[in-house]
C-alpha atoms as a PDB file:
ATOM      1  CA  MET A   1     -69.508  23.788 -26.406  1.00  0.00           C
ATOM      2  CA  LYS A   2     -66.798  25.589 -24.459  1.00  0.00           C
ATOM      3  CA  ARG A   3     -69.281  28.333 -23.574  1.00  0.00           C
ATOM      4  CA  ILE A   4     -71.757  25.785 -22.191  1.00  0.00           C
ATOM      5  CA  SER A   5     -69.016  24.123 -20.130  1.00  0.00           C
ATOM      6  CA  THR A   6     -67.993  27.499 -18.694  1.00  0.00           C
ATOM      7  CA  MET A   7     -71.603  28.362 -17.843  1.00  0.00           C
ATOM      8  CA  LEU A   8     -72.153  24.981 -16.165  1.00  0.00           C
ATOM      9  CA  ALA A   9     -68.948  25.346 -14.146  1.00  0.00           C
ATOM     10  CA  ALA A  10     -70.017  28.822 -12.992  1.00  0.00           C
ATOM     11  CA  LEU A  11     -73.477  27.539 -12.046  1.00  0.00           C
ATOM     12  CA  PHE A  12     -71.974  24.628 -10.106  1.00  0.00           C
ATOM     13  CA  LEU A  13     -69.606  26.967  -8.242  1.00  0.00           C
ATOM     14  CA  ALA A  14     -72.448  29.341  -7.349  1.00  0.00           C
ATOM     15  CA  ALA A  15     -74.581  26.447  -6.088  1.00  0.00           C
ATOM     16  CA  ALA A  16     -71.681  25.121  -4.004  1.00  0.00           C
ATOM     17  CA  CYS A  17     -71.181  28.561  -2.402  1.00  0.00           C
ATOM     18  CA  VAL A  18     -74.873  28.830  -1.520  1.00  0.00           C
ATOM     19  CA  PHE A  19     -74.908  25.313  -0.055  1.00  0.00           C
ATOM     20  CA  ALA A  20     -71.767  25.919   2.017  1.00  0.00           C
ATOM     21  CA  ALA A  21     -73.097  29.205   3.344  1.00  0.00           C
ATOM     22  CA  ALA A  22     -76.434  27.673   4.338  1.00  0.00           C
ATOM     23  CA  VAL A  23     -74.586  25.021   6.360  1.00  0.00           C
ATOM     24  CA  ALA A  24     -73.705  27.668   8.981  1.00  0.00           C
ATOM     25  CA  ASP A  25     -77.195  29.170   9.304  1.00  0.00           C
ATOM     26  CA  GLY A  26     -78.969  28.512  12.588  1.00  0.00           C
ATOM     27  CA  THR A  27     -78.445  28.342  16.323  1.00  0.00           C
ATOM     28  CA  TRP A  28     -75.386  26.574  17.694  1.00  0.00           C
ATOM     29  CA  THR A  29     -74.999  25.698  21.396  1.00  0.00           C
ATOM     30  CA  ALA A  30     -71.967  24.476  23.329  1.00  0.00           C
ATOM     31  CA  GLN A  31     -71.768  20.842  24.264  1.00  0.00           C
ATOM     32  CA  GLY A  32     -70.210  19.629  27.485  1.00  0.00           C
ATOM     33  CA  GLN A  33     -67.850  21.720  29.599  1.00  0.00           C
ATOM     34  CA  VAL A  34     -67.411  25.273  28.274  1.00  0.00           C
ATOM     35  CA  PRO A  35     -64.021  26.871  29.005  1.00  0.00           C
ATOM     36  CA  ALA A  36     -64.158  30.228  30.802  1.00  0.00           C
ATOM     37  CA  GLY A  37     -64.693  33.017  28.290  1.00  0.00           C
ATOM     38  CA  ALA A  38     -65.586  30.670  25.426  1.00  0.00           C
ATOM     39  CA  ILE A  39     -68.664  31.238  23.291  1.00  0.00           C
ATOM     40  CA  SER A  40     -71.588  29.120  24.444  1.00  0.00           C
ATOM     41  CA  THR A  41     -74.275  30.160  21.918  1.00  0.00           C
ATOM     42  CA  LEU A  42     -73.997  31.326  18.310  1.00  0.00           C
ATOM     43  CA  VAL A  43     -76.858  32.439  16.086  1.00  0.00           C
ATOM     44  CA  LEU A  44     -75.590  32.657  12.515  1.00  0.00           C
ATOM     45  CA  THR A  45     -76.971  33.775   9.157  1.00  0.00           C
ATOM     46  CA  SER A  46     -75.074  33.743   5.893  1.00  0.00           C
ATOM     47  CA  SER A  47     -75.489  35.530   2.597  1.00  0.00           C
ATOM     48  CA  GLY A  48     -72.974  34.447   0.005  1.00  0.00           C
ATOM     49  CA  ALA A  49     -69.553  34.676   1.656  1.00  0.00           C
ATOM     50  CA  THR A  50     -70.792  37.059   4.391  1.00  0.00           C
ATOM     51  CA  LEU A  51     -71.596  35.765   7.867  1.00  0.00           C
ATOM     52  CA  SER A  52     -73.624  37.712  10.439  1.00  0.00           C
ATOM     53  CA  GLY A  53     -75.232  36.966  13.767  1.00  0.00           C
ATOM     54  CA  THR A  54     -74.562  36.969  17.483  1.00  0.00           C
ATOM     55  CA  ALA A  55     -72.203  35.253  19.905  1.00  0.00           C
ATOM     56  CA  ASP A  56     -73.741  35.023  23.376  1.00  0.00           C
ATOM     57  CA  GLY A  57     -76.104  37.843  22.368  1.00  0.00           C
ATOM     58  CA  VAL A  58     -73.320  40.159  21.126  1.00  0.00           C
ATOM     59  CA  GLN A  59     -73.230  41.153  17.435  1.00  0.00           C
ATOM     60  CA  ILE A  60     -70.377  39.550  15.485  1.00  0.00           C
ATOM     61  CA  THR A  61     -68.371  41.618  12.996  1.00  0.00           C
ATOM     62  CA  ALA A  62     -66.209  40.888   9.948  1.00  0.00           C
ATOM     63  CA  GLY A  63     -67.985  37.558   9.476  1.00  0.00           C
ATOM     64  CA  LYS A  64     -66.974  35.384   6.531  1.00  0.00           C
ATOM     65  CA  ILE A  65     -67.714  31.869   5.367  1.00  0.00           C
ATOM     66  CA  GLN A  66     -65.955  29.730   2.802  1.00  0.00           C
ATOM     67  CA  ASN A  67     -66.837  26.089   2.295  1.00  0.00           C
ATOM     68  CA  ASN A  68     -67.118  24.730   5.858  1.00  0.00           C
ATOM     69  CA  SER A  69     -64.921  27.392   7.485  1.00  0.00           C
ATOM     70  CA  VAL A  70     -66.150  30.495   9.334  1.00  0.00           C
ATOM     71  CA  TRP A  71     -64.325  33.572  10.633  1.00  0.00           C
ATOM     72  CA  PHE A  72     -65.594  36.493  12.689  1.00  0.00           C
ATOM     73  CA  SER A  73     -64.742  38.925  15.466  1.00  0.00           C
ATOM     74  CA  VAL A  74     -66.689  39.682  18.608  1.00  0.00           C
ATOM     75  CA  VAL A  75     -66.179  42.233  21.392  1.00  0.00           C
ATOM     76  CA  LYS A  76     -66.763  40.840  24.890  1.00  0.00           C
ATOM     77  CA  SER A  77     -66.024  42.763  28.079  1.00  0.00           C
ATOM     78  CA  GLY A  78     -64.244  45.448  26.054  1.00  0.00           C
ATOM     79  CA  LYS A  79     -61.860  42.963  24.411  1.00  0.00           C
ATOM     80  CA  THR A  80     -61.916  41.953  20.736  1.00  0.00           C
ATOM     81  CA  TYR A  81     -61.724  38.232  20.048  1.00  0.00           C
ATOM     82  CA  ALA A  82     -60.832  36.671  16.710  1.00  0.00           C
ATOM     83  CA  CYS A  83     -62.794  33.496  16.063  1.00  0.00           C
ATOM     84  CA  LYS A  84     -62.424  30.841  13.415  1.00  0.00           C
ATOM     85  CA  GLY A  85     -64.299  27.609  13.098  1.00  0.00           C
ATOM     86  CA  GLN A  86     -64.851  24.415  11.160  1.00  0.00           C
ATOM     87  CA  ILE A  87     -68.252  22.887  10.471  1.00  0.00           C
ATOM     88  CA  ALA A  88     -68.531  19.114  10.236  1.00  0.00           C
ATOM     89  CA  GLY A  89     -72.151  18.063   9.801  1.00  0.00           C
ATOM     90  CA  SER A  90     -74.068  19.364  12.817  1.00  0.00           C
ATOM     91  CA  THR A  91     -70.913  20.221  14.798  1.00  0.00           C
ATOM     92  CA  LEU A  92     -69.034  23.526  14.796  1.00  0.00           C
ATOM     93  CA  THR A  93     -65.656  23.766  16.508  1.00  0.00           C
ATOM     94  CA  ILE A  94     -64.695  27.369  17.293  1.00  0.00           C
ATOM     95  CA  TYR A  95     -61.167  28.503  18.131  1.00  0.00           C
ATOM     96  CA  GLN A  96     -61.097  31.964  19.694  1.00  0.00           C
ATOM     97  CA  SER A  97     -58.350  34.197  21.055  1.00  0.00           C
ATOM     98  CA  LEU A  98     -57.681  37.844  21.617  1.00  0.00           C
ATOM     99  CA  THR A  99     -56.576  39.516  18.398  1.00  0.00           C
ATOM    100  CA  ASP A 100     -52.928  39.298  19.568  1.00  0.00           C
ATOM    101  CA  GLY A 101     -53.282  35.501  19.850  1.00  0.00           C
ATOM    102  CA  SER A 102     -53.363  35.377  23.637  1.00  0.00           C
ATOM    103  CA  GLN A 103     -56.013  33.610  25.734  1.00  0.00           C
ATOM    104  CA  PRO A 104     -56.798  30.883  23.186  1.00  0.00           C
ATOM    105  CA  VAL A 105     -59.744  28.569  23.845  1.00  0.00           C
ATOM    106  CA  SER A 106     -61.753  26.175  21.758  1.00  0.00           C
ATOM    107  CA  VAL A 107     -65.304  24.957  22.124  1.00  0.00           C
ATOM    108  CA  THR A 108     -67.509  22.535  20.233  1.00  0.00           C
ATOM    109  CA  LEU A 109     -71.070  23.590  19.462  1.00  0.00           C
ATOM    110  CA  ALA A 110     -73.975  21.565  18.095  1.00  0.00           C
ATOM    111  CA  LYS A 111     -76.583  22.865  15.691  1.00  0.00           C
ATOM    112  CA  ALA A 112     -80.084  23.036  17.112  1.00  0.00           C
ATOM    113  CA  ASN A 113     -82.797  21.312  15.093  1.00  0.00           C
END
């Protein structure tokens, strides 16, 4: 019985990880006023806990996803930005700054249908 419970728990956890990862997949576009330097378009694909894609046409690196949270880096105009975000339904709020924490901005993106 304990073995079955362990197997079911592992299966449930695996299914939850796949579902959470799939939540990020797709094209996300900024809504409303976009702060200068903020990401306006994201195209994301997930595989397990790994996130890949582009931010304004530039390849993202070090992409990760856990539950409804995403993290990645992107190099724009020779500067590396650290980005983290939260997904809530069809909305993704991204907080980005230079890797030293300077020049912070946030932007809300909506998932395209």
